[in-house]
């Protein structure tokens, strides 16, 4: 056994300890042993943590997680179906209307071009403002 004087000499303060002292070597030897051990995976850690809870709590957690997973999958399937229904219905309902509007605009542009060719550029521009109403003759007094 070491004498009191030798222990005081080993532990004389922060400045006197170095890496060669037996106390420090002992600390680093433990770390080297821990580095050689394999780390456990997240699944292993979670399974180890479940052992500290009662069986009722574990069963409730499992049933809650299963229910939540099923609900999310159902909600996802419902949202996919609803999106498909809304998009396909809107295409079927509004596409013919858009095609008819485009066709009417093209016919109007063709009429305007024909009038421009026959009557000149000024008649086509003035007729665009009121295509259905004829121009009233000037009132004479």
Protein backbone atom coordinates (compact mmCIF):
# COMPACT_ATOMS: atom_id res chain seq x y z
CA UNK A 1 0.00 0.00 0.00
CA UNK A 2 1.22 3.49 -0.81
CA UNK A 3 2.06 5.90 1.95
CA UNK A 4 0.19 9.14 2.49
CA UNK A 5 3.19 11.08 1.29
CA UNK A 6 3.27 9.20 -2.04
CA UNK A 7 -0.50 9.75 -2.57
CA UNK A 8 -0.09 13.48 -1.92
CA UNK A 9 2.72 13.54 -4.44
CA UNK A 10 0.58 11.80 -7.10
CA UNK A 11 -2.42 14.05 -6.53
CA UNK A 12 -0.77 17.37 -5.96
CA UNK A 13 -3.21 19.33 -8.14
CA UNK A 14 -4.34 19.81 -11.72
CA UNK A 15 -0.95 20.85 -13.04
CA UNK A 16 0.88 17.80 -11.82
CA UNK A 17 -1.30 15.13 -13.50
CA UNK A 18 -0.27 13.98 -16.95
CA UNK A 19 -1.15 11.17 -19.34
CA UNK A 20 1.46 8.83 -17.80
CA UNK A 21 -0.09 8.81 -14.36
CA UNK A 22 -1.81 5.51 -13.44
CA UNK A 23 -5.13 7.23 -12.71
CA UNK A 24 -5.36 8.73 -16.21
CA UNK A 25 -4.25 5.49 -17.89
CA UNK A 26 -7.02 3.66 -16.06
CA UNK A 27 -9.63 6.09 -17.40
CA UNK A 28 -8.40 5.79 -20.97
CA UNK A 29 -8.21 1.98 -20.78
CA UNK A 30 -11.98 1.88 -20.08
CA UNK A 31 -12.69 4.04 -23.12
CA UNK A 32 -10.63 1.76 -25.35
CA UNK A 33 -12.68 -1.22 -24.20
CA UNK A 34 -15.93 0.62 -24.90
CA UNK A 35 -14.80 1.50 -28.41
CA UNK A 36 -14.34 -2.18 -29.27
CA UNK A 37 -17.95 -3.00 -28.37
CA UNK A 38 -20.53 -2.84 -31.15
CA UNK A 39 -23.11 -0.10 -30.92
CA UNK A 40 -26.67 -1.28 -30.70
CA UNK A 41 -29.11 -0.23 -33.39
CA UNK A 42 -32.06 2.06 -32.87
CA UNK A 43 -34.44 -0.89 -33.00
CA UNK A 44 -32.51 -2.72 -30.30
CA UNK A 45 -32.54 0.37 -28.11
CA UNK A 46 -36.30 0.85 -28.55
CA UNK A 47 -36.96 -2.80 -27.74
CA UNK A 48 -34.79 -2.42 -24.65
CA UNK A 49 -36.74 0.69 -23.62
CA UNK A 50 -40.07 -1.10 -23.93
CA UNK A 51 -39.07 -3.48 -21.16
CA UNK A 52 -39.24 -0.66 -18.62
CA UNK A 53 -42.97 0.02 -19.30
CA UNK A 54 -45.85 -2.16 -18.11
CA UNK A 55 -47.52 -4.48 -20.61
CA UNK A 56 -50.72 -2.37 -20.70
CA UNK A 57 -48.77 0.73 -21.76
CA UNK A 58 -46.92 -1.24 -24.46
CA UNK A 59 -50.19 -2.70 -25.79
CA UNK A 60 -51.82 0.75 -25.85
CA UNK A 61 -48.84 2.23 -27.70
CA UNK A 62 -48.90 -0.58 -30.25
CA UNK A 63 -52.67 -0.32 -30.84
CA UNK A 64 -52.48 3.49 -31.06
CA UNK A 65 -49.63 3.31 -33.59
CA UNK A 66 -51.45 0.67 -35.65
CA UNK A 67 -54.66 2.71 -35.67
CA UNK A 68 -52.80 5.87 -36.60
CA UNK A 69 -51.03 4.10 -39.45
CA UNK A 70 -54.31 2.65 -40.77
CA UNK A 71 -56.04 6.05 -40.55
CA UNK A 72 -53.24 7.80 -42.42
CA UNK A 73 -53.26 5.17 -45.18
CA UNK A 74 -57.06 5.46 -45.49
CA UNK A 75 -56.91 9.26 -45.59
CA UNK A 76 -54.24 9.10 -48.29
CA UNK A 77 -56.32 6.69 -50.40
CA UNK A 78 -59.42 8.88 -49.95
CA UNK A 79 -57.54 12.05 -50.92
CA UNK A 80 -56.17 10.34 -54.05
CA UNK A 81 -59.64 9.22 -55.08
CA UNK A 82 -61.19 12.62 -54.35
CA UNK A 83 -58.47 14.41 -56.32
CA UNK A 84 -58.96 12.11 -59.31
CA UNK A 85 -62.73 12.61 -59.18
CA UNK A 86 -62.51 16.42 -58.99
CA UNK A 87 -59.89 16.77 -61.72
CA UNK A 88 -61.53 14.38 -64.17
CA UNK A 89 -64.99 15.91 -63.59
CA UNK A 90 -63.73 19.44 -64.11
CA UNK A 91 -61.96 18.44 -67.34
CA UNK A 92 -65.09 16.73 -68.65
CA UNK A 93 -67.35 19.65 -67.69
CA UNK A 94 -65.20 22.64 -68.61
CA UNK A 95 -63.19 21.45 -71.60
CA UNK A 96 -66.12 21.68 -74.07
CA UNK A 97 -66.96 25.18 -72.83
CA UNK A 98 -63.37 26.31 -73.32
CA UNK A 99 -63.26 24.77 -76.81
CA UNK A 100 -66.50 26.57 -77.80
CA UNK A 101 -65.20 29.91 -76.51
CA UNK A 102 -61.98 29.42 -78.48
CA UNK A 103 -63.92 28.47 -81.62
CA UNK A 104 -66.15 31.58 -81.31
CA UNK A 105 -63.09 33.81 -80.92
CA UNK A 106 -61.47 32.25 -83.99
CA UNK A 107 -64.64 32.82 -86.06
CA UNK A 108 -64.79 36.43 -84.92
CA UNK A 109 -61.14 36.95 -85.89
CA UNK A 110 -61.79 35.42 -89.34
CA UNK A 111 -64.80 37.73 -89.90
CA UNK A 112 -62.70 40.70 -88.85
CA UNK A 113 -59.94 39.71 -91.29
CA UNK A 114 -62.45 39.24 -94.15
CA UNK A 115 -63.95 42.70 -93.51
CA UNK A 116 -60.48 44.19 -93.35
CA UNK A 117 -59.61 42.69 -96.72
CA UNK A 118 -62.91 43.76 -98.36
CA UNK A 119 -63.51 47.21 -96.80
CA UNK A 120 -60.09 48.34 -95.55
CA UNK A 121 -58.43 48.49 -92.16
CA UNK A 122 -60.63 51.26 -90.69
CA UNK A 123 -63.91 49.34 -91.04
CA UNK A 124 -62.63 46.26 -89.25
CA UNK A 125 -61.35 48.27 -86.26
CA UNK A 126 -64.52 50.37 -85.87
CA UNK A 127 -66.75 47.31 -86.13
CA UNK A 128 -65.00 45.49 -83.29
CA UNK A 129 -66.41 47.83 -80.64
CA UNK A 130 -70.08 47.00 -81.39
CA UNK A 131 -70.41 44.02 -83.71
CA UNK A 132 -74.15 43.41 -83.22
CA UNK A 133 -75.46 47.03 -83.38
CA UNK A 134 -75.53 48.88 -86.68
CA UNK A 135 -74.18 52.41 -86.84
CA UNK A 136 -77.01 54.94 -86.67
CA UNK A 137 -77.10 57.59 -89.39
CA UNK A 138 -76.40 61.15 -88.27
CA UNK A 139 -79.47 63.16 -87.24
CA UNK A 140 -80.21 66.10 -89.56
CA UNK A 141 -81.91 69.18 -88.24
